[in-house]
Amino acid sequence: MLKYFTKDDQDRWTASMELRRHIEYGKLNLRDKFGFNGLFHTILCR
């Protein structure tokens, strides 16, 4: 928490850009066609 997040004056913690630069977010319904380019090495669908 202390290494990867910074705290503001409202006790909110923000993840570092170093972490977030690795992540791409997108809206997806798993019942729809995926249409990804390439394959994944690991998929978490918990």
All heavy atoms as atom14 arrays in JSON, in Angstrom:
{
  "sequence": "MLKYFTKDDQDRWTASMELRRHIEYGKLNLRDKFGFNGLFHTILCR",
  "atom14_mask": [
    [1, 1, 1, 1, 1, 1, 1, 1, 0, 0, 0, 0, 0, 0],
    [1, 1, 1, 1, 1, 1, 1, 1, 0, 0, 0, 0, 0, 0],
    [1, 1, 1, 1, 1, 1, 1, 1, 1, 0, 0, 0, 0, 0],
    [1, 1, 1, 1, 1, 1, 1, 1, 1, 1, 1, 1, 0, 0],
    [1, 1, 1, 1, 1, 1, 1, 1, 1, 1, 1, 0, 0, 0],
    [1, 1, 1, 1, 1, 1, 1, 0, 0, 0, 0, 0, 0, 0],
    [1, 1, 1, 1, 1, 1, 1, 1, 1, 0, 0, 0, 0, 0],
    [1, 1, 1, 1, 1, 1, 1, 1, 0, 0, 0, 0, 0, 0],
    [1, 1, 1, 1, 1, 1, 1, 1, 0, 0, 0, 0, 0, 0],
    [1, 1, 1, 1, 1, 1, 1, 1, 1, 0, 0, 0, 0, 0],
    [1, 1, 1, 1, 1, 1, 1, 1, 0, 0, 0, 0, 0, 0],
    [1, 1, 1, 1, 1, 1, 1, 1, 1, 1, 1, 0, 0, 0],
    [1, 1, 1, 1, 1, 1, 1, 1, 1, 1, 1, 1, 1, 1],
    [1, 1, 1, 1, 1, 1, 1, 0, 0, 0, 0, 0, 0, 0],
    [1, 1, 1, 1, 1, 0, 0, 0, 0, 0, 0, 0, 0, 0],
    [1, 1, 1, 1, 1, 1, 0, 0, 0, 0, 0, 0, 0, 0],
    [1, 1, 1, 1, 1, 1, 1, 1, 0, 0, 0, 0, 0, 0],
    [1, 1, 1, 1, 1, 1, 1, 1, 1, 0, 0, 0, 0, 0],
    [1, 1, 1, 1, 1, 1, 1, 1, 0, 0, 0, 0, 0, 0],
    [1, 1, 1, 1, 1, 1, 1, 1, 1, 1, 1, 0, 0, 0],
    [1, 1, 1, 1, 1, 1, 1, 1, 1, 1, 1, 0, 0, 0],
    [1, 1, 1, 1, 1, 1, 1, 1, 1, 1, 0, 0, 0, 0],
    [1, 1, 1, 1, 1, 1, 1, 1, 0, 0, 0, 0, 0, 0],
    [1, 1, 1, 1, 1, 1, 1, 1, 1, 0, 0, 0, 0, 0],
    [1, 1, 1, 1, 1, 1, 1, 1, 1, 1, 1, 1, 0, 0],
    [1, 1, 1, 1, 0, 0, 0, 0, 0, 0, 0, 0, 0, 0],
    [1, 1, 1, 1, 1, 1, 1, 1, 1, 0, 0, 0, 0, 0],
    [1, 1, 1, 1, 1, 1, 1, 1, 0, 0, 0, 0, 0, 0],
    [1, 1, 1, 1, 1, 1, 1, 1, 0, 0, 0, 0, 0, 0],
    [1, 1, 1, 1, 1, 1, 1, 1, 0, 0, 0, 0, 0, 0],
    [1, 1, 1, 1, 1, 1, 1, 1, 1, 1, 1, 0, 0, 0],
    [1, 1, 1, 1, 1, 1, 1, 1, 0, 0, 0, 0, 0, 0],
    [1, 1, 1, 1, 1, 1, 1, 1, 1, 0, 0, 0, 0, 0],
    [1, 1, 1, 1, 1, 1, 1, 1, 1, 1, 1, 0, 0, 0],
    [1, 1, 1, 1, 0, 0, 0, 0, 0, 0, 0, 0, 0, 0],
    [1, 1, 1, 1, 1, 1, 1, 1, 1, 1, 1, 0, 0, 0],
    [1, 1, 1, 1, 1, 1, 1, 1, 0, 0, 0, 0, 0, 0],
    [1, 1, 1, 1, 0, 0, 0, 0, 0, 0, 0, 0, 0, 0],
    [1, 1, 1, 1, 1, 1, 1, 1, 0, 0, 0, 0, 0, 0],
    [1, 1, 1, 1, 1, 1, 1, 1, 1, 1, 1, 0, 0, 0],
    [1, 1, 1, 1, 1, 1, 1, 1, 1, 1, 0, 0, 0, 0],
    [1, 1, 1, 1, 1, 1, 1, 0, 0, 0, 0, 0, 0, 0],
    [1, 1, 1, 1, 1, 1, 1, 1, 0, 0, 0, 0, 0, 0],
    [1, 1, 1, 1, 1, 1, 1, 1, 0, 0, 0, 0, 0, 0],
    [1, 1, 1, 1, 1, 1, 0, 0, 0, 0, 0, 0, 0, 0],
    [1, 1, 1, 1, 1, 1, 1, 1, 1, 1, 1, 0, 0, 0]
  ],
  "atom14_positions": [
    [[0.84, -1.2, 0.0], [0.0, 0.0, 0.0], [0.88, 1.26, 0.0], [0.64, 2.21, -0.76], [-0.92, -0.01, 1.22], [-1.83, 1.19, 1.33], [-2.99, 1.05, 2.72], [-1.87, 1.12, 4.12], [0.0, 0.0, 0.0], [0.0, 0.0, 0.0], [0.0, 0.0, 0.0], [0.0, 0.0, 0.0], [0.0, 0.0, 0.0], [0.0, 0.0, 0.0]],
    [[1.91, 1.25, 0.84], [2.78, 2.42, 0.94], [3.7, 2.55, -0.28], [4.09, 3.66, -0.66], [3.62, 2.32, 2.21], [2.83, 2.35, 3.53], [3.75, 2.08, 4.71], [2.11, 3.68, 3.69], [0.0, 0.0, 0.0], [0.0, 0.0, 0.0], [0.0, 0.0, 0.0], [0.0, 0.0, 0.0], [0.0, 0.0, 0.0], [0.0, 0.0, 0.0]],
    [[4.04, 1.41, -0.88], [4.96, 1.43, -2.03], [4.27, 1.84, -3.32], [4.86, 2.58, -4.13], [5.58, 0.04, -2.18], [6.58, -0.08, -3.33], [7.2, -1.47, -3.36], [8.2, -1.61, -4.49], [8.82, -2.97, -4.51], [0.0, 0.0, 0.0], [0.0, 0.0, 0.0], [0.0, 0.0, 0.0], [0.0, 0.0, 0.0], [0.0, 0.0, 0.0]],
    [[3.05, 1.38, -3.52], [2.41, 1.56, -4.82], [1.23, 2.54, -4.82], [0.66, 2.8, -5.88], [1.9, 0.2, -5.33], [3.02, -0.77, -5.65], [3.26, -1.88, -4.83], [3.84, -0.59, -6.76], [4.27, -2.79, -5.12], [4.86, -1.48, -7.07], [5.07, -2.57, -6.23], [6.08, -3.45, -6.52], [0.0, 0.0, 0.0], [0.0, 0.0, 0.0]],
    [[0.86, 3.08, -3.66], [-0.27, 3.99, -3.59], [0.13, 5.27, -2.84], [0.99, 5.25, -1.97], [-1.46, 3.34, -2.84], [-2.12, 2.22, -3.59], [-1.49, 0.98, -3.69], [-3.35, 2.39, -4.19], [-2.09, -0.07, -4.38], [-3.96, 1.35, -4.88], [-3.32, 0.12, -4.97], [0.0, 0.0, 0.0], [0.0, 0.0, 0.0], [0.0, 0.0, 0.0]],
    [[-0.52, 6.36, -3.2], [-0.33, 7.62, -2.48], [-1.66, 8.06, -1.87], [-2.72, 7.87, -2.47], [0.19, 8.73, -3.42], [-0.71, 8.88, -4.53], [1.58, 8.4, -3.93], [0.0, 0.0, 0.0], [0.0, 0.0, 0.0], [0.0, 0.0, 0.0], [0.0, 0.0, 0.0], [0.0, 0.0, 0.0], [0.0, 0.0, 0.0], [0.0, 0.0, 0.0]],
    [[-1.57, 8.64, -0.69], [-2.76, 9.02, 0.07], [-2.99, 10.52, -0.04], [-2.06, 11.31, 0.05], [-2.57, 8.61, 1.53], [-3.76, 8.86, 2.43], [-3.44, 8.42, 3.85], [-4.59, 8.67, 4.8], [-4.26, 8.27, 6.19], [0.0, 0.0, 0.0], [0.0, 0.0, 0.0], [0.0, 0.0, 0.0], [0.0, 0.0, 0.0], [0.0, 0.0, 0.0]],
    [[-4.28, 10.92, -0.22], [-4.58, 12.35, -0.25], [-5.17, 12.79, 1.09], [-5.27, 12.01, 2.03], [-5.53, 12.68, -1.42], [-6.91, 12.03, -1.28], [-7.27, 11.59, -0.18], [-7.63, 11.97, -2.29], [0.0, 0.0, 0.0], [0.0, 0.0, 0.0], [0.0, 0.0, 0.0], [0.0, 0.0, 0.0], [0.0, 0.0, 0.0], [0.0, 0.0, 0.0]],
    [[-5.56, 14.07, 1.15], [-6.02, 14.61, 2.43], [-7.43, 14.16, 2.79], [-7.96, 14.52, 3.84], [-5.95, 16.14, 2.42], [-6.71, 16.77, 1.27], [-7.41, 16.03, 0.53], [-6.6, 17.99, 1.08], [0.0, 0.0, 0.0], [0.0, 0.0, 0.0], [0.0, 0.0, 0.0], [0.0, 0.0, 0.0], [0.0, 0.0, 0.0], [0.0, 0.0, 0.0]],
    [[-8.07, 13.37, 1.91], [-9.4, 12.82, 2.2], [-9.33, 11.31, 2.46], [-10.34, 10.62, 2.38], [-10.35, 13.11, 1.03], [-10.57, 14.59, 0.8], [-11.54, 14.85, -0.36], [-12.39, 14.03, -0.68], [-11.4, 16.01, -1.0], [0.0, 0.0, 0.0], [0.0, 0.0, 0.0], [0.0, 0.0, 0.0], [0.0, 0.0, 0.0], [0.0, 0.0, 0.0]],
    [[-8.14, 10.83, 2.8], [-7.92, 9.41, 3.09], [-8.25, 8.51, 1.92], [-8.67, 7.36, 2.1], [-8.73, 8.97, 4.33], [-8.15, 9.53, 5.62], [-6.96, 9.91, 5.61], [-8.88, 9.58, 6.62], [0.0, 0.0, 0.0], [0.0, 0.0, 0.0], [0.0, 0.0, 0.0], [0.0, 0.0, 0.0], [0.0, 0.0, 0.0], [0.0, 0.0, 0.0]],
    [[-8.04, 9.01, 0.71], [-8.19, 8.19, -0.49], [-6.8, 7.82, -0.99], [-5.88, 8.64, -0.95], [-8.98, 8.93, -1.57], [-10.41, 9.25, -1.19], [-11.11, 10.03, -2.28], [-10.38, 11.26, -2.61], [-10.8, 12.18, -3.46], [-11.95, 12.01, -4.09], [-10.07, 13.26, -3.69], [0.0, 0.0, 0.0], [0.0, 0.0, 0.0], [0.0, 0.0, 0.0]],
    [[-6.7, 6.59, -1.51], [-5.42, 6.08, -1.97], [-5.47, 5.87, -3.48], [-6.37, 5.23, -4.0], [-5.1, 4.76, -1.27], [-4.87, 4.91, 0.2], [-5.82, 5.03, 1.17], [-3.61, 4.96, 0.87], [-5.23, 5.15, 2.41], [-3.87, 5.11, 2.25], [-2.28, 4.88, 0.44], [-2.86, 5.19, 3.21], [-1.26, 4.95, 1.39], [-1.55, 5.1, 2.75]],
    [[-4.46, 6.4, -4.19], [-4.42, 6.31, -5.65], [-3.25, 5.44, -6.09], [-2.11, 5.65, -5.66], [-4.26, 7.71, -6.28], [-5.35, 8.54, -5.85], [-4.26, 7.62, -7.8], [0.0, 0.0, 0.0], [0.0, 0.0, 0.0], [0.0, 0.0, 0.0], [0.0, 0.0, 0.0], [0.0, 0.0, 0.0], [0.0, 0.0, 0.0], [0.0, 0.0, 0.0]],
    [[-3.55, 4.46, -6.94], [-2.52, 3.57, -7.46], [-1.55, 4.34, -8.34], [-1.93, 5.26, -9.07], [-3.15, 2.43, -8.25], [0.0, 0.0, 0.0], [0.0, 0.0, 0.0], [0.0, 0.0, 0.0], [0.0, 0.0, 0.0], [0.0, 0.0, 0.0], [0.0, 0.0, 0.0], [0.0, 0.0, 0.0], [0.0, 0.0, 0.0], [0.0, 0.0, 0.0]],
    [[-0.28, 3.98, -8.29], [0.75, 4.68, -9.04], [0.58, 4.47, -10.55], [0.06, 3.45, -11.0], [2.14, 4.18, -8.63], [2.34, 2.85, -9.07], [0.0, 0.0, 0.0], [0.0, 0.0, 0.0], [0.0, 0.0, 0.0], [0.0, 0.0, 0.0], [0.0, 0.0, 0.0], [0.0, 0.0, 0.0], [0.0, 0.0, 0.0], [0.0, 0.0, 0.0]],
    [[1.06, 5.44, -11.3], [1.03, 5.32, -12.76], [1.94, 4.2, -13.22], [1.7, 3.6, -14.28], [1.46, 6.64, -13.41], [0.41, 7.73, -13.32], [-1.2, 7.22, -14.02], [-0.74, 6.85, -15.72], [0.0, 0.0, 0.0], [0.0, 0.0, 0.0], [0.0, 0.0, 0.0], [0.0, 0.0, 0.0], [0.0, 0.0, 0.0], [0.0, 0.0, 0.0]],
    [[2.96, 3.87, -12.45], [3.85, 2.77, -12.8], [3.07, 1.46, -12.91], [3.34, 0.63, -13.8], [4.96, 2.63, -11.75], [5.87, 1.43, -11.93], [6.64, 1.46, -13.25], [6.84, 2.55, -13.82], [7.02, 0.36, -13.71], [0.0, 0.0, 0.0], [0.0, 0.0, 0.0], [0.0, 0.0, 0.0], [0.0, 0.0, 0.0], [0.0, 0.0, 0.0]],
    [[2.08, 1.27, -12.02], [1.23, 0.09, -12.1], [0.2, 0.23, -13.21], [0.01, -0.68, -14.04], [0.49, -0.14, -10.78], [1.25, -0.67, -9.58], [0.29, -0.85, -8.41], [1.96, -1.98, -9.89], [0.0, 0.0, 0.0], [0.0, 0.0, 0.0], [0.0, 0.0, 0.0], [0.0, 0.0, 0.0], [0.0, 0.0, 0.0], [0.0, 0.0, 0.0]],
    [[-0.46, 1.36, -13.24], [-1.6, 1.55, -14.13], [-1.21, 1.57, -15.6], [-2.04, 1.29, -16.47], [-2.34, 2.83, -13.73], [-3.03, 2.7, -12.37], [-3.3, 4.04, -11.71], [-4.15, 4.89, -12.52], [-4.32, 6.19, -12.28], [-3.67, 6.77, -11.28], [-5.12, 6.89, -13.05], [0.0, 0.0, 0.0], [0.0, 0.0, 0.0], [0.0, 0.0, 0.0]],
    [[0.05, 1.87, -15.9], [0.47, 1.91, -17.31], [0.45, 0.53, -17.95], [0.44, 0.41, -19.18], [1.87, 2.53, -17.42], [2.99, 1.65, -16.91], [4.34, 2.35, -17.01], [5.44, 1.51, -16.53], [6.09, 0.64, -17.29], [5.74, 0.47, -18.56], [7.07, -0.08, -16.79], [0.0, 0.0, 0.0], [0.0, 0.0, 0.0], [0.0, 0.0, 0.0]],
    [[0.43, -0.51, -17.13], [0.4, -1.88, -17.65], [-1.02, -2.37, -17.94], [-1.19, -3.46, -18.48], [1.04, -2.84, -16.65], [2.51, -2.65, -16.45], [3.46, -3.06, -17.37], [3.2, -2.08, -15.43], [4.66, -2.77, -16.92], [4.53, -2.18, -15.75], [0.0, 0.0, 0.0], [0.0, 0.0, 0.0], [0.0, 0.0, 0.0], [0.0, 0.0, 0.0]],
    [[-2.03, -1.59, -17.54], [-3.41, -2.07, -17.58], [-4.24, -1.28, -18.6], [-4.23, -0.05, -18.6], [-4.07, -1.97, -16.19], [-3.21, -2.7, -15.14], [-5.48, -2.54, -16.21], [-3.67, -2.47, -13.71], [0.0, 0.0, 0.0], [0.0, 0.0, 0.0], [0.0, 0.0, 0.0], [0.0, 0.0, 0.0], [0.0, 0.0, 0.0], [0.0, 0.0, 0.0]],
    [[-4.97, -2.0, -19.42], [-5.92, -1.39, -20.35], [-7.33, -1.82, -19.94], [-7.58, -3.01, -19.74], [-5.63, -1.83, -21.78], [-6.63, -1.3, -22.8], [-6.4, -1.85, -24.2], [-5.42, -2.6, -24.4], [-7.23, -1.55, -25.08], [0.0, 0.0, 0.0], [0.0, 0.0, 0.0], [0.0, 0.0, 0.0], [0.0, 0.0, 0.0], [0.0, 0.0, 0.0]],
    [[-8.24, -0.86, -19.81], [-9.6, -1.16, -19.38], [-10.57, -1.07, -20.56], [-10.4, -0.23, -21.45], [-10.05, -0.19, -18.28], [-9.26, -0.31, -17.0], [-8.15, 0.5, -16.76], [-9.62, -1.24, -16.03], [-7.41, 0.38, -15.6], [-8.89, -1.36, -14.86], [-7.79, -0.56, -14.65], [-7.07, -0.68, -13.49], [0.0, 0.0, 0.0], [0.0, 0.0, 0.0]],
    [[-11.58, -1.92, -20.54], [-12.58, -1.88, -21.61], [-13.87, -2.54, -21.2], [-13.89, -3.49, -20.41], [0.0, 0.0, 0.0], [0.0, 0.0, 0.0], [0.0, 0.0, 0.0], [0.0, 0.0, 0.0], [0.0, 0.0, 0.0], [0.0, 0.0, 0.0], [0.0, 0.0, 0.0], [0.0, 0.0, 0.0], [0.0, 0.0, 0.0], [0.0, 0.0, 0.0]],
    [[-14.96, -2.05, -21.73], [-16.27, -2.64, -21.46], [-16.47, -3.85, -22.36], [-16.22, -3.78, -23.56], [-17.38, -1.61, -21.71], [-18.78, -2.15, -21.4], [-19.85, -1.09, -21.67], [-21.24, -1.65, -21.44], [-22.3, -0.66, -21.74], [0.0, 0.0, 0.0], [0.0, 0.0, 0.0], [0.0, 0.0, 0.0], [0.0, 0.0, 0.0], [0.0, 0.0, 0.0]],
    [[-16.91, -4.96, -21.76], [-17.11, -6.17, -22.54], [-18.16, -7.05, -21.88], [-18.1, -7.31, -20.68], [-15.8, -6.96, -22.67], [-15.89, -8.28, -23.44], [-16.16, -8.01, -24.92], [-14.62, -9.1, -23.28], [0.0, 0.0, 0.0], [0.0, 0.0, 0.0], [0.0, 0.0, 0.0], [0.0, 0.0, 0.0], [0.0, 0.0, 0.0], [0.0, 0.0, 0.0]],
    [[-19.11, -7.49, -22.69], [-20.07, -8.5, -22.28], [-19.5, -9.85, -22.71], [-19.24, -10.08, -23.89], [-21.42, -8.25, -22.95], [-22.52, -9.16, -22.44], [-22.27, -10.26, -21.94], [-23.76, -8.73, -22.58], [0.0, 0.0, 0.0], [0.0, 0.0, 0.0], [0.0, 0.0, 0.0], [0.0, 0.0, 0.0], [0.0, 0.0, 0.0], [0.0, 0.0, 0.0]],
    [[-19.29, -10.75, -21.77], [-18.67, -12.04, -22.08], [-19.52, -12.89, -23.02], [-19.04, -13.89, -23.55], [-18.38, -12.81, -20.79], [-17.27, -12.22, -19.92], [-17.16, -12.99, -18.61], [-15.94, -12.22, -20.64], [0.0, 0.0, 0.0], [0.0, 0.0, 0.0], [0.0, 0.0, 0.0], [0.0, 0.0, 0.0], [0.0, 0.0, 0.0], [0.0, 0.0, 0.0]],
    [[-20.77, -12.5, -23.22], [-21.63, -13.23, -24.16], [-21.44, -12.75, -25.59], [-21.95, -13.36, -26.53], [-23.09, -13.07, -23.75], [-23.45, -13.83, -22.48], [-24.81, -13.41, -21.95], [-25.91, -13.65, -22.88], [-26.56, -14.81, -22.99], [-26.21, -15.83, -22.22], [-27.55, -14.95, -23.83], [0.0, 0.0, 0.0], [0.0, 0.0, 0.0], [0.0, 0.0, 0.0]],
    [[-20.71, -11.65, -25.77], [-20.47, -11.1, -27.11], [-19.17, -11.65, -27.69], [-18.33, -12.19, -26.97], [-20.39, -9.57, -27.04], [-21.71, -8.94, -26.65], [-22.76, -9.61, -26.8], [-21.7, -7.79, -26.18], [0.0, 0.0, 0.0], [0.0, 0.0, 0.0], [0.0, 0.0, 0.0], [0.0, 0.0, 0.0], [0.0, 0.0, 0.0], [0.0, 0.0, 0.0]],
    [[-18.99, -11.44, -28.99], [-17.75, -11.82, -29.65], [-16.61, -10.97, -29.11], [-16.75, -9.77, -28.95], [-17.88, -11.64, -31.17], [-16.67, -12.1, -31.96], [-16.91, -11.93, -33.45], [-15.69, -12.38, -34.24], [-15.89, -12.21, -35.7], [0.0, 0.0, 0.0], [0.0, 0.0, 0.0], [0.0, 0.0, 0.0], [0.0, 0.0, 0.0], [0.0, 0.0, 0.0]],
    [[-15.47, -11.6, -28.81], [-14.37, -10.86, -28.2], [-13.6, -9.99, -29.19], [-13.41, -8.82, -28.97], [-13.4, -11.84, -27.51], [-14.02, -12.63, -26.39], [-13.45, -13.8, -25.96], [-15.19, -12.21, -25.78], [-14.01, -14.55, -24.92], [-15.77, -12.94, -24.75], [-15.17, -14.11, -24.32], [0.0, 0.0, 0.0], [0.0, 0.0, 0.0], [0.0, 0.0, 0.0]],
    [[-13.12, -10.6, -30.26], [-12.42, -9.84, -31.27], [-11.05, -9.32, -30.85], [-10.61, -8.26, -31.28], [0.0, 0.0, 0.0], [0.0, 0.0, 0.0], [0.0, 0.0, 0.0], [0.0, 0.0, 0.0], [0.0, 0.0, 0.0], [0.0, 0.0, 0.0], [0.0, 0.0, 0.0], [0.0, 0.0, 0.0], [0.0, 0.0, 0.0], [0.0, 0.0, 0.0]],
    [[-10.33, -10.06, -29.98], [-9.01, -9.63, -29.54], [-7.97, -9.9, -30.62], [-8.09, -10.84, -31.4], [-8.59, -10.39, -28.28], [-9.5, -10.17, -27.1], [-9.9, -11.24, -26.32], [-9.96, -8.91, -26.77], [-10.74, -11.06, -25.23], [-10.81, -8.72, -25.69], [-11.19, -9.79, -24.92], [0.0, 0.0, 0.0], [0.0, 0.0, 0.0], [0.0, 0.0, 0.0]],
    [[-6.92, -9.09, -30.63], [-5.76, -9.37, -31.45], [-4.76, -10.16, -30.61], [-4.32, -9.7, -29.56], [-5.11, -8.06, -31.93], [-5.95, -7.36, -32.96], [-6.58, -7.99, -33.81], [-6.0, -6.03, -32.9], [0.0, 0.0, 0.0], [0.0, 0.0, 0.0], [0.0, 0.0, 0.0], [0.0, 0.0, 0.0], [0.0, 0.0, 0.0], [0.0, 0.0, 0.0]],
    [[-4.39, -11.34, -31.09], [-3.46, -12.15, -30.34], [-4.12, -12.96, -29.25], [-5.33, -12.89, -29.03], [0.0, 0.0, 0.0], [0.0, 0.0, 0.0], [0.0, 0.0, 0.0], [0.0, 0.0, 0.0], [0.0, 0.0, 0.0], [0.0, 0.0, 0.0], [0.0, 0.0, 0.0], [0.0, 0.0, 0.0], [0.0, 0.0, 0.0], [0.0, 0.0, 0.0]],
    [[-3.3, -13.73, -28.54], [-3.78, -14.64, -27.52], [-3.23, -14.24, -26.15], [-2.24, -13.53, -26.05], [-3.35, -16.07, -27.85], [-3.77, -16.61, -29.21], [-3.16, -17.98, -29.46], [-5.29, -16.68, -29.32], [0.0, 0.0, 0.0], [0.0, 0.0, 0.0], [0.0, 0.0, 0.0], [0.0, 0.0, 0.0], [0.0, 0.0, 0.0], [0.0, 0.0, 0.0]],
    [[-3.89, -14.73, -25.12], [-3.46, -14.46, -23.74], [-2.75, -15.67, -23.17], [-3.07, -16.81, -23.5], [-4.67, -14.1, -22.87], [-5.35, -12.83, -23.28], [-6.45, -12.86, -24.14], [-4.89, -11.6, -22.84], [-7.08, -11.69, -24.53], [-5.51, -10.43, -23.23], [-6.6, -10.46, -24.07], [0.0, 0.0, 0.0], [0.0, 0.0, 0.0], [0.0, 0.0, 0.0]],
    [[-1.81, -15.41, -22.27], [-1.11, -16.5, -21.58], [-1.89, -16.96, -20.35], [-1.78, -18.11, -19.94], [0.29, -16.05, -21.16], [1.15, -15.64, -22.31], [1.33, -14.32, -22.67], [1.86, -16.39, -23.2], [2.14, -14.27, -23.72], [2.47, -15.51, -24.07], [0.0, 0.0, 0.0], [0.0, 0.0, 0.0], [0.0, 0.0, 0.0], [0.0, 0.0, 0.0]],
    [[-2.66, -16.06, -19.76], [-3.48, -16.38, -18.6], [-4.76, -15.57, -18.64], [-4.73, -14.38, -18.98], [-2.74, -16.08, -17.28], [-1.57, -16.91, -17.19], [-3.62, -16.34, -16.07], [0.0, 0.0, 0.0], [0.0, 0.0, 0.0], [0.0, 0.0, 0.0], [0.0, 0.0, 0.0], [0.0, 0.0, 0.0], [0.0, 0.0, 0.0], [0.0, 0.0, 0.0]],
    [[-5.87, -16.21, -18.32], [-7.16, -15.53, -18.24], [-7.77, -15.83, -16.88], [-7.89, -16.99, -16.47], [-8.12, -16.0, -19.35], [-7.55, -15.66, -20.73], [-9.51, -15.36, -19.18], [-8.38, -16.19, -21.89], [0.0, 0.0, 0.0], [0.0, 0.0, 0.0], [0.0, 0.0, 0.0], [0.0, 0.0, 0.0], [0.0, 0.0, 0.0], [0.0, 0.0, 0.0]],
    [[-8.14, -14.78, -16.17], [-8.86, -14.92, -14.9], [-10.32, -14.58, -15.15], [-10.64, -13.46, -15.57], [-8.28, -14.0, -13.82], [-6.87, -14.32, -13.33], [-5.82, -13.58, -14.17], [-6.69, -13.92, -11.87], [0.0, 0.0, 0.0], [0.0, 0.0, 0.0], [0.0, 0.0, 0.0], [0.0, 0.0, 0.0], [0.0, 0.0, 0.0], [0.0, 0.0, 0.0]],
    [[-11.18, -15.54, -14.92], [-12.63, -15.34, -15.08], [-13.29, -15.95, -13.85], [-13.92, -17.01, -13.91], [-13.1, -16.02, -16.37], [-14.84, -15.7, -16.77], [0.0, 0.0, 0.0], [0.0, 0.0, 0.0], [0.0, 0.0, 0.0], [0.0, 0.0, 0.0], [0.0, 0.0, 0.0], [0.0, 0.0, 0.0], [0.0, 0.0, 0.0], [0.0, 0.0, 0.0]],
    [[-13.16, -15.26, -12.75], [-13.56, -15.82, -11.45], [-14.97, -15.39, -11.06], [-15.33, -14.22, -11.15], [-12.57, -15.4, -10.36], [-11.15, -15.91, -10.63], [-10.3, -15.86, -9.39], [-9.84, -14.52, -9.07], [-9.29, -14.19, -7.9], [-9.16, -15.08, -6.95], [-8.87, -12.95, -7.71], [0.0, 0.0, 0.0], [0.0, 0.0, 0.0], [0.0, 0.0, 0.0]]
  ]
}
